[in-house]
Amino acid sequence: MDENKYHFVQEPGREYICPICRDFAIDPLVHGNEAYVFCRSCLEHSLEVKPQCPCCKAMPVSIGKDFVKPARLFLSVRERLEVHCPHKSDGCTAIMQLGKLNRHVEDDCIYAPMPCRWKGCGVSIARRLEAKHAGECPFRVVACQACGIELPWVNMQTHTSECPNSPYKCMCGEEVLRKDKDRHTKSCDCAVVECSVAGCTWKGTRKNARSHIQESIFEHLAILASLVDKQRTQMDSQSRLLAEQSDQLHRQQAEIVRLRTSLMEIQDEAIWKINNYRAELGAAEQALNNGATPTLSSPILVCRGVAFEMKACLAGQTLAGAGHLALFFGIRPQHFPSSGLPLSNLVVTVTVGSTVDTLEIITDEAFADQVKRSLARKSSDDFYGWFKFMTKAQMESYVVDDTLFIRIRVRL
């Protein structure tokens, strides 16, 4: 309630009037024994502008120290002033003491506005009409008669149209629960269905569908024949496309084989990389001392279209050759392509070392002749090489990151 809108039965005396706003003093404060009473809000604003009493001009002054609440007797007499209800213009005729006004407005006045009790409404209605509005408010909570769920009335119509327990009346006249609608529709003669023949655009009730099937036999045959022709054309097109793709794939595969063969014929160097060299060397030395012949074998290496397999005895092949790298290679005719290279004129060079620093051991003429004869025979079992290719001390100079590189080169 707006306290500045009191409607007094008789105008209050000057002792109740604030000299700043010239109206009835609200939350009154006084200065000493002065006869003036001020509104708290008016006085706070005045002292913010200038800290002096608006009447006696004393300064500096402050609320709480200089301005205090009036005496209890003054307040008691003030509370007994008679006022009209603020809703007099709406029809309320009540007159009461000022001290009882708030309780009257908040609890008793049938013309006082009350907020609607229902969430989402937001309407204020006179207390005398509140009960009637509560029963008519579109936001009042009601229970669904079919399932019992409680919802605002404004949402109930939508819920009713979807509630699984609400009744649904089919075109055939039968009434079923909405949750059983789909099951009923599957057998109802009044349900709208499409023709079961693929390609037919007819739609109608299930009852009429039976007669449609019987009356449209020739039309359906023509539709099915058209579909078969269309599918046959599509299949023929797909078959031609698959055949073209298959031919293209075969050509690509042949080109890959040709390019791989050309690359193998052009490439004149292959590399055998032996990792963990020192561990392999230690195992070879231990095996040699036990009377075994420890041998490492390379994968197939291809140079100039010729396939080689290399074998290495890191600690020597026998005790007589201990402390030397024994290195051998053999020809693997089952692996190299039909290149037509003049194998009898090939010379093989083997190199040991890293990718940067190498030591090249070139075969002598007798050894080269031996290799050429082996290549010409395309032998698959013979291995040729050196029992003492390089000493252990020499190999240490060419081990990089515990890895030993062995290269084989072929030149015409």
Protein backbone atom coordinates (compact mmCIF):
# COMPACT_ATOMS: atom_id res chain seq x y z
CA MET A 1 0.00 0.00 0.00
CA ASP A 2 1.27 3.48 -0.91
CA GLU A 3 1.57 5.28 2.46
CA ASN A 4 1.51 8.68 0.77
CA LYS A 5 -2.11 8.10 -0.33
CA TYR A 6 -3.82 8.05 3.08
CA HIS A 7 -7.41 9.32 2.97
CA PHE A 8 -8.06 10.88 6.40
CA VAL A 9 -11.57 11.36 7.72
CA GLN A 10 -10.38 14.74 9.09
CA GLU A 11 -7.29 16.57 7.93
CA PRO A 12 -4.38 15.86 10.33
CA GLY A 13 -2.92 18.74 12.38
CA ARG A 14 0.21 20.64 11.40
CA GLU A 15 2.24 18.65 13.92
CA TYR A 16 1.92 15.63 11.56
CA ILE A 17 2.92 17.48 8.39
CA CYS A 18 6.48 17.32 6.99
CA PRO A 19 7.73 20.91 6.31
CA ILE A 20 9.75 19.63 3.32
CA CYS A 21 7.08 17.84 1.26
CA ARG A 22 4.06 19.56 2.91
CA ASP A 23 2.34 16.18 3.31
CA PHE A 24 1.65 13.69 6.08
CA ALA A 25 5.03 12.63 7.52
CA ILE A 26 5.91 9.03 6.75
CA ASP A 27 8.31 7.17 9.10
CA PRO A 28 8.59 10.42 11.13
CA LEU A 29 11.76 11.87 12.69
CA VAL A 30 12.15 14.96 14.95
CA HIS A 31 15.06 17.29 15.87
CA GLY A 32 15.34 17.76 19.62
CA ASN A 33 12.35 19.52 21.09
CA GLU A 34 11.28 21.20 17.90
CA ALA A 35 7.63 21.00 16.93
CA TYR A 36 8.40 19.88 13.39
CA VAL A 37 8.26 16.26 12.23
CA PHE A 38 9.99 15.15 9.03
CA CYS A 39 9.58 12.24 6.62
CA ARG A 40 12.68 10.04 6.84
CA SER A 41 13.11 9.97 3.07
CA CYS A 42 12.67 13.78 2.74
CA LEU A 43 15.22 14.39 5.51
CA GLU A 44 17.78 12.00 4.03
CA HIS A 45 17.59 13.77 0.68
CA SER A 46 17.88 17.22 2.34
CA LEU A 47 20.92 16.25 4.42
CA GLU A 48 22.64 14.85 1.34
CA VAL A 49 22.39 18.33 -0.23
CA LYS A 50 23.44 20.19 2.94
CA PRO A 51 24.02 18.74 6.47
CA GLN A 52 21.88 21.24 8.40
CA CYS A 53 18.42 21.19 9.92
CA PRO A 54 15.90 22.41 7.32
CA CYS A 55 14.12 24.50 9.99
CA CYS A 56 16.57 25.77 12.65
CA LYS A 57 19.55 25.60 10.26
CA ALA A 58 21.74 23.95 12.93
CA MET A 59 24.72 22.13 11.45
CA PRO A 60 26.26 19.70 11.13
CA VAL A 61 23.46 17.27 11.93
CA SER A 62 22.77 13.60 11.14
CA ILE A 63 20.01 11.03 11.43
CA GLY A 64 20.30 8.88 14.54
CA LYS A 65 22.32 11.46 16.47
CA ASP A 66 20.34 14.65 16.02
CA PHE A 67 17.16 13.38 14.35
CA VAL A 68 15.33 10.62 16.23
CA LYS A 69 11.92 8.99 16.37
CA PRO A 70 9.18 11.03 18.05
CA ALA A 71 8.03 10.26 21.59
CA ARG A 72 5.86 7.19 22.13
CA LEU A 73 2.87 9.35 23.08
CA PHE A 74 3.10 11.25 19.79
CA LEU A 75 3.21 8.01 17.80
CA SER A 76 0.32 6.55 19.79
CA VAL A 77 -1.91 9.54 19.04
CA ARG A 78 -0.78 9.44 15.39
CA GLU A 79 -1.81 5.76 15.04
CA ARG A 80 -5.36 6.62 16.28
CA LEU A 81 -6.07 9.04 13.43
CA GLU A 82 -9.04 7.80 11.40
CA VAL A 83 -8.66 7.01 7.71
CA HIS A 84 -10.77 5.64 4.90
CA CYS A 85 -9.86 2.40 3.16
CA PRO A 86 -7.62 3.16 0.12
CA HIS A 87 -10.13 1.15 -1.97
CA LYS A 88 -12.98 3.50 -1.16
CA SER A 89 -13.35 4.36 -4.86
CA ASP A 90 -13.87 0.63 -5.57
CA GLY A 91 -16.71 0.40 -3.08
CA CYS A 92 -15.14 -0.19 0.34
CA THR A 93 -16.83 1.97 3.06
CA ALA A 94 -14.62 0.91 5.97
CA ILE A 95 -13.18 3.56 8.31
CA MET A 96 -10.47 2.58 10.78
CA GLN A 97 -7.56 3.91 12.80
CA LEU A 98 -4.31 4.46 10.91
CA GLY A 99 -2.57 1.72 12.94
CA LYS A 100 -5.10 -0.89 11.78
CA LEU A 101 -5.13 0.10 8.11
CA ASN A 102 -2.49 -2.36 6.89
CA ARG A 103 -4.18 -5.35 8.51
CA HIS A 104 -7.52 -4.34 7.01
CA VAL A 105 -6.07 -4.09 3.51
CA GLU A 106 -4.01 -7.30 3.73
CA ASP A 107 -6.60 -9.52 5.45
CA ASP A 108 -10.13 -8.12 5.36
CA CYS A 109 -10.84 -5.68 2.52
CA ILE A 110 -12.84 -7.51 -0.16
CA TYR A 111 -11.88 -4.85 -2.70
CA ALA A 112 -8.09 -5.20 -2.23
CA PRO A 113 -6.35 -6.72 -5.27
CA MET A 114 -5.03 -10.28 -4.84
CA PRO A 115 -2.61 -12.12 -7.16
CA CYS A 116 -4.10 -15.19 -8.83
CA ARG A 117 -3.06 -18.36 -7.02
CA TRP A 118 -2.35 -20.29 -10.22
CA LYS A 119 1.18 -20.37 -11.60
CA GLY A 120 1.57 -18.63 -14.94
CA CYS A 121 -1.55 -16.40 -14.66
CA GLY A 122 -0.14 -13.16 -13.20
CA VAL A 123 -3.57 -11.45 -13.00
CA SER A 124 -4.53 -9.39 -9.92
CA ILE A 125 -8.20 -9.62 -8.95
CA ALA A 126 -10.30 -8.13 -6.09
CA ARG A 127 -10.45 -10.42 -3.04
CA ARG A 128 -14.24 -10.72 -3.39
CA LEU A 129 -13.80 -12.11 -6.94
CA GLU A 130 -10.72 -14.25 -6.25
CA ALA A 131 -12.61 -17.51 -5.66
CA LYS A 132 -14.66 -17.08 -8.83
CA HIS A 133 -11.56 -16.27 -10.90
CA ALA A 134 -9.69 -19.27 -9.43
CA GLY A 135 -12.43 -21.55 -10.75
CA GLU A 136 -12.36 -19.97 -14.23
CA CYS A 137 -8.64 -19.15 -14.63
CA PRO A 138 -7.18 -20.76 -17.78
CA PHE A 139 -4.10 -21.65 -15.73
CA ARG A 140 -6.03 -23.55 -13.05
CA VAL A 141 -4.83 -27.10 -12.54
CA VAL A 142 -7.26 -29.82 -13.58
CA ALA A 143 -6.97 -33.60 -13.81
CA CYS A 144 -7.31 -35.55 -17.05
CA GLN A 145 -10.45 -37.72 -16.81
CA ALA A 146 -8.80 -40.45 -18.85
CA CYS A 147 -5.37 -40.87 -17.22
CA GLY A 148 -5.55 -38.70 -14.07
CA ILE A 149 -2.52 -36.52 -14.82
CA GLU A 150 -2.82 -32.92 -13.51
CA LEU A 151 -2.08 -30.07 -15.93
CA PRO A 152 -3.05 -26.39 -16.41
CA TRP A 153 -6.46 -26.16 -18.06
CA VAL A 154 -4.95 -24.21 -20.97
CA ASN A 155 -2.81 -27.28 -21.84
CA MET A 156 -5.47 -29.91 -21.25
CA GLN A 157 -7.01 -29.73 -24.73
CA THR A 158 -3.69 -30.58 -26.35
CA HIS A 159 -3.11 -33.38 -23.83
CA THR A 160 -6.58 -34.82 -24.40
CA SER A 161 -5.91 -35.09 -28.14
CA GLU A 162 -2.76 -37.11 -27.38
CA CYS A 163 -3.65 -38.96 -24.14
CA PRO A 164 -3.29 -42.72 -24.71
CA ASN A 165 -6.28 -43.42 -22.46
CA SER A 166 -8.61 -40.91 -24.11
CA PRO A 167 -11.33 -42.26 -26.46
CA TYR A 168 -10.84 -42.17 -30.21
CA LYS A 169 -13.78 -42.54 -32.54
CA CYS A 170 -12.90 -44.14 -35.86
CA MET A 171 -14.64 -43.37 -39.16
CA CYS A 172 -16.23 -46.80 -38.92
CA GLY A 173 -18.11 -45.65 -35.80
CA GLU A 174 -16.23 -47.83 -33.35
CA GLU A 175 -14.75 -46.09 -30.30
CA VAL A 176 -11.39 -47.31 -28.99
CA LEU A 177 -8.70 -45.99 -26.68
CA ARG A 178 -6.19 -43.78 -28.46
CA LYS A 179 -3.36 -46.14 -27.50
CA ASP A 180 -5.16 -48.89 -29.45
CA LYS A 181 -5.71 -46.71 -32.53
CA ASP A 182 -2.85 -48.20 -34.59
CA ARG A 183 -3.90 -51.77 -33.82
CA HIS A 184 -7.49 -50.97 -34.78
CA THR A 185 -6.42 -49.15 -37.98
CA LYS A 186 -4.54 -52.25 -39.21
CA SER A 187 -7.82 -54.16 -39.47
CA CYS A 188 -10.42 -51.40 -39.90
CA ASP A 189 -12.20 -51.39 -43.29
CA CYS A 190 -12.47 -47.58 -43.15
CA ALA A 191 -8.73 -47.01 -42.78
CA VAL A 192 -7.05 -45.29 -45.76
CA VAL A 193 -4.48 -47.56 -47.42
CA GLU A 194 -2.36 -47.56 -50.56
CA CYS A 195 -2.52 -50.14 -53.31
CA SER A 196 -0.26 -53.12 -52.54
CA VAL A 197 1.00 -53.26 -56.14
CA ALA A 198 4.33 -51.46 -56.52
CA GLY A 199 4.02 -48.42 -58.77
CA CYS A 200 0.22 -48.04 -58.44
CA THR A 201 -0.76 -44.62 -57.03
CA TRP A 202 -4.31 -45.57 -55.91
CA LYS A 203 -5.37 -44.67 -52.34
CA GLY A 204 -8.66 -45.47 -50.62
CA THR A 205 -10.31 -47.36 -47.80
CA ARG A 206 -9.29 -50.93 -47.04
CA LYS A 207 -12.82 -52.01 -47.95
CA ASN A 208 -12.48 -50.50 -51.45
CA ALA A 209 -8.94 -51.82 -51.89
CA ARG A 210 -10.23 -55.36 -52.43
CA SER A 211 -12.44 -54.34 -55.33
CA HIS A 212 -9.65 -52.12 -56.72
CA ILE A 213 -7.31 -55.13 -56.92
CA GLN A 214 -9.92 -57.19 -58.74
CA GLU A 215 -10.88 -54.42 -61.17
CA SER A 216 -7.34 -53.28 -62.04
CA ILE A 217 -5.64 -56.56 -62.99
CA PHE A 218 -4.63 -55.45 -66.48
CA GLU A 219 -3.50 -52.01 -65.30
CA HIS A 220 -1.37 -53.65 -62.61
CA LEU A 221 0.16 -56.06 -65.12
CA ALA A 222 1.13 -53.12 -67.33
CA ILE A 223 2.68 -51.32 -64.33
CA LEU A 224 4.67 -54.40 -63.29
CA ALA A 225 5.86 -54.97 -66.85
CA SER A 226 7.06 -51.39 -67.03
CA LEU A 227 8.91 -51.80 -63.75
CA VAL A 228 10.56 -55.02 -64.96
CA ASP A 229 11.71 -53.30 -68.17
CA LYS A 230 13.07 -50.39 -66.17
CA GLN A 231 14.94 -52.69 -63.80
CA ARG A 232 16.33 -54.73 -66.72
CA THR A 233 17.61 -51.52 -68.34
CA GLN A 234 19.22 -50.46 -65.06
CA MET A 235 20.85 -53.88 -64.63
CA ASP A 236 22.19 -53.81 -68.19
CA SER A 237 23.63 -50.36 -67.58
CA GLN A 238 25.22 -51.48 -64.32
CA SER A 239 26.65 -54.60 -66.01
CA ARG A 240 28.27 -52.47 -68.73
CA LEU A 241 29.64 -50.11 -66.10
CA LEU A 242 31.07 -53.01 -64.07
CA ALA A 243 32.66 -54.48 -67.21
CA GLU A 244 34.26 -51.12 -68.03
CA GLN A 245 35.53 -50.75 -64.47
CA SER A 246 36.89 -54.30 -64.53
CA ASP A 247 38.76 -53.63 -67.79
CA GLN A 248 40.12 -50.39 -66.37
CA LEU A 249 41.27 -52.20 -63.21
CA HIS A 250 43.06 -54.87 -65.24
CA ARG A 251 44.81 -52.17 -67.29
CA GLN A 252 45.87 -50.36 -64.12
CA GLN A 253 47.19 -53.58 -62.60
CA ALA A 254 49.14 -54.34 -65.75
CA GLU A 255 50.59 -50.83 -65.71
CA ILE A 256 51.59 -51.24 -62.06
CA VAL A 257 53.39 -54.49 -62.89
CA ARG A 258 55.11 -52.83 -65.85
CA LEU A 259 56.22 -49.83 -63.76
CA ARG A 260 57.40 -52.04 -60.92
CA THR A 261 59.38 -54.16 -63.35
CA SER A 262 60.91 -51.08 -64.96
CA LEU A 263 61.81 -49.66 -61.56
CA MET A 264 63.43 -52.91 -60.48
CA GLU A 265 65.42 -53.02 -63.72
CA ILE A 266 66.57 -49.41 -63.33
CA GLN A 267 67.35 -49.53 -59.61
CA ASP A 268 71.01 -50.47 -59.31
CA GLU A 269 71.28 -50.59 -55.49
CA ALA A 270 69.64 -52.45 -52.63
CA ILE A 271 70.32 -51.97 -48.91
CA TRP A 272 70.29 -54.55 -46.10
CA LYS A 273 69.94 -52.83 -42.73
CA ILE A 274 71.10 -54.84 -39.69
CA ASN A 275 69.71 -53.27 -36.49
CA ASN A 276 70.98 -53.95 -32.94
CA TYR A 277 74.36 -54.75 -34.42
CA ARG A 278 76.31 -55.19 -31.16
CA ALA A 279 73.70 -57.53 -29.65
CA GLU A 280 73.68 -59.58 -32.85
CA LEU A 281 77.50 -59.64 -32.86
CA GLY A 282 77.64 -60.81 -29.24
CA ALA A 283 75.16 -63.62 -29.94
CA ALA A 284 77.17 -64.65 -33.02
CA GLU A 285 80.45 -64.78 -31.08
CA GLN A 286 78.88 -66.91 -28.34
CA ALA A 287 77.36 -69.32 -30.89
CA LEU A 288 80.68 -69.60 -32.76
CA ASN A 289 82.51 -70.51 -29.53
CA ASN A 290 79.91 -73.25 -28.96
CA GLY A 291 80.67 -74.78 -32.37
CA ALA A 292 77.65 -73.42 -34.23
CA THR A 293 77.60 -71.30 -37.38
CA PRO A 294 75.38 -68.26 -36.61
CA THR A 295 73.99 -66.78 -39.83
CA LEU A 296 71.77 -63.75 -40.49
CA SER A 297 69.65 -63.76 -43.68
CA SER A 298 68.41 -60.68 -45.49
CA PRO A 299 65.04 -60.21 -47.13
CA ILE A 300 64.96 -60.49 -50.91
CA LEU A 301 66.94 -57.56 -52.41
CA VAL A 302 66.38 -56.50 -56.02
CA CYS A 303 68.92 -54.72 -58.22
CA ARG A 304 68.68 -54.28 -61.98
CA GLY A 305 65.84 -56.78 -62.04
CA VAL A 306 67.94 -59.44 -60.31
CA ALA A 307 66.81 -60.82 -56.95
CA PHE A 308 69.47 -61.51 -54.30
CA GLU A 309 69.45 -63.02 -50.84
CA MET A 310 72.40 -62.16 -48.62
CA LYS A 311 73.80 -64.01 -45.60
CA ALA A 312 76.20 -62.64 -43.03
CA CYS A 313 78.23 -64.29 -40.24
CA LEU A 314 79.04 -61.27 -38.08
CA ALA A 315 81.70 -63.08 -36.00
CA GLY A 316 83.04 -65.27 -38.80
CA GLN A 317 81.84 -68.48 -40.41
CA THR A 318 84.39 -70.72 -38.69
CA LEU A 319 86.92 -70.36 -35.86
CA ALA A 320 89.58 -69.95 -38.52
CA GLY A 321 87.85 -66.82 -39.74
CA ALA A 322 86.85 -65.53 -36.31
CA GLY A 323 86.95 -61.75 -35.92
CA HIS A 324 85.89 -61.18 -39.53
CA LEU A 325 82.59 -60.47 -41.23
CA ALA A 326 81.79 -63.37 -43.56
CA LEU A 327 79.46 -62.14 -46.32
CA PHE A 328 77.71 -64.18 -49.02
CA PHE A 329 74.97 -63.70 -51.58
CA GLY A 330 72.90 -65.99 -53.75
CA ILE A 331 70.69 -65.52 -56.80
CA ARG A 332 66.96 -66.18 -56.43
CA PRO A 333 65.60 -66.67 -59.97
CA GLN A 334 62.06 -67.38 -58.71
CA HIS A 335 61.85 -63.76 -57.56
CA PHE A 336 63.27 -61.66 -60.38
CA PRO A 337 61.14 -60.60 -63.33
CA SER A 338 61.47 -61.67 -66.91
CA SER A 339 63.45 -58.61 -67.88
CA GLY A 340 65.60 -59.88 -70.69
CA LEU A 341 68.75 -58.27 -69.20
CA PRO A 342 72.07 -59.69 -70.36
CA LEU A 343 72.84 -61.40 -67.02
CA SER A 344 76.14 -62.76 -68.25
CA ASN A 345 77.60 -59.22 -68.37
CA LEU A 346 76.62 -58.16 -64.80
CA VAL A 347 79.25 -57.14 -62.22
CA VAL A 348 78.30 -57.18 -58.52
CA THR A 349 79.80 -54.74 -55.99
CA VAL A 350 79.20 -55.02 -52.24
CA THR A 351 79.67 -52.08 -49.84
CA VAL A 352 79.60 -51.91 -46.05
CA GLY A 353 79.02 -48.67 -44.16
CA SER A 354 76.56 -45.92 -43.26
CA THR A 355 74.58 -43.76 -45.65
CA VAL A 356 77.36 -41.14 -45.54
CA ASP A 357 80.66 -42.97 -45.05
CA THR A 358 81.26 -46.24 -46.95
CA LEU A 359 84.05 -48.76 -47.49
CA GLU A 360 83.76 -50.47 -50.85
CA ILE A 361 85.13 -53.97 -51.48
CA ILE A 362 85.29 -54.63 -55.22
CA THR A 363 85.51 -58.22 -56.45
CA ASP A 364 88.39 -59.31 -58.61
CA GLU A 365 87.92 -60.55 -62.17
CA ALA A 366 87.89 -64.21 -61.20
CA PHE A 367 85.20 -63.61 -58.65
CA ALA A 368 83.23 -61.49 -61.16
CA ASP A 369 83.41 -64.35 -63.67
CA GLN A 370 82.13 -66.74 -61.03
CA VAL A 371 79.18 -64.42 -60.33
CA LYS A 372 78.42 -64.05 -64.03
CA ARG A 373 78.32 -67.83 -64.48
CA SER A 374 76.03 -68.14 -61.49
CA LEU A 375 73.74 -65.45 -62.89
CA ALA A 376 73.72 -67.10 -66.28
CA ARG A 377 72.67 -70.44 -64.70
CA LYS A 378 70.09 -68.65 -62.58
CA SER A 379 71.16 -70.85 -59.71
CA SER A 380 68.86 -70.88 -56.71
CA ASP A 381 71.02 -72.82 -54.24
CA ASP A 382 74.58 -71.48 -54.55
CA PHE A 383 75.93 -68.69 -52.35
CA TYR A 384 79.12 -66.81 -53.24
CA GLY A 385 81.09 -64.35 -51.22
CA TRP A 386 83.98 -63.72 -48.84
CA PHE A 387 84.97 -65.66 -45.72
CA LYS A 388 86.96 -62.65 -44.50
CA PHE A 389 85.15 -59.68 -46.01
CA MET A 390 86.10 -57.20 -43.27
CA THR A 391 87.63 -57.31 -39.78
CA LYS A 392 85.65 -56.59 -36.63
CA ALA A 393 87.77 -53.46 -36.02
CA GLN A 394 86.99 -52.14 -39.52
CA MET A 395 83.26 -52.76 -39.06
CA GLU A 396 83.18 -50.69 -35.85
CA SER A 397 84.12 -47.63 -37.90
CA TYR A 398 80.98 -48.03 -40.00
CA VAL A 399 78.38 -48.81 -37.34
CA VAL A 400 75.99 -45.85 -36.96
CA ASP A 401 73.45 -45.80 -34.12
CA ASP A 402 74.09 -49.52 -33.53
CA THR A 403 73.13 -50.21 -37.16
CA LEU A 404 75.19 -51.73 -39.96
CA PHE A 405 74.31 -51.02 -43.59
CA ILE A 406 75.26 -53.51 -46.32
CA ARG A 407 74.71 -52.45 -49.95
CA ILE A 408 74.74 -54.50 -53.10
CA ARG A 409 75.14 -52.81 -56.47
CA VAL A 410 74.76 -54.33 -59.93
CA ARG A 411 76.15 -52.73 -63.07
CA LEU A 412 76.18 -53.84 -66.68
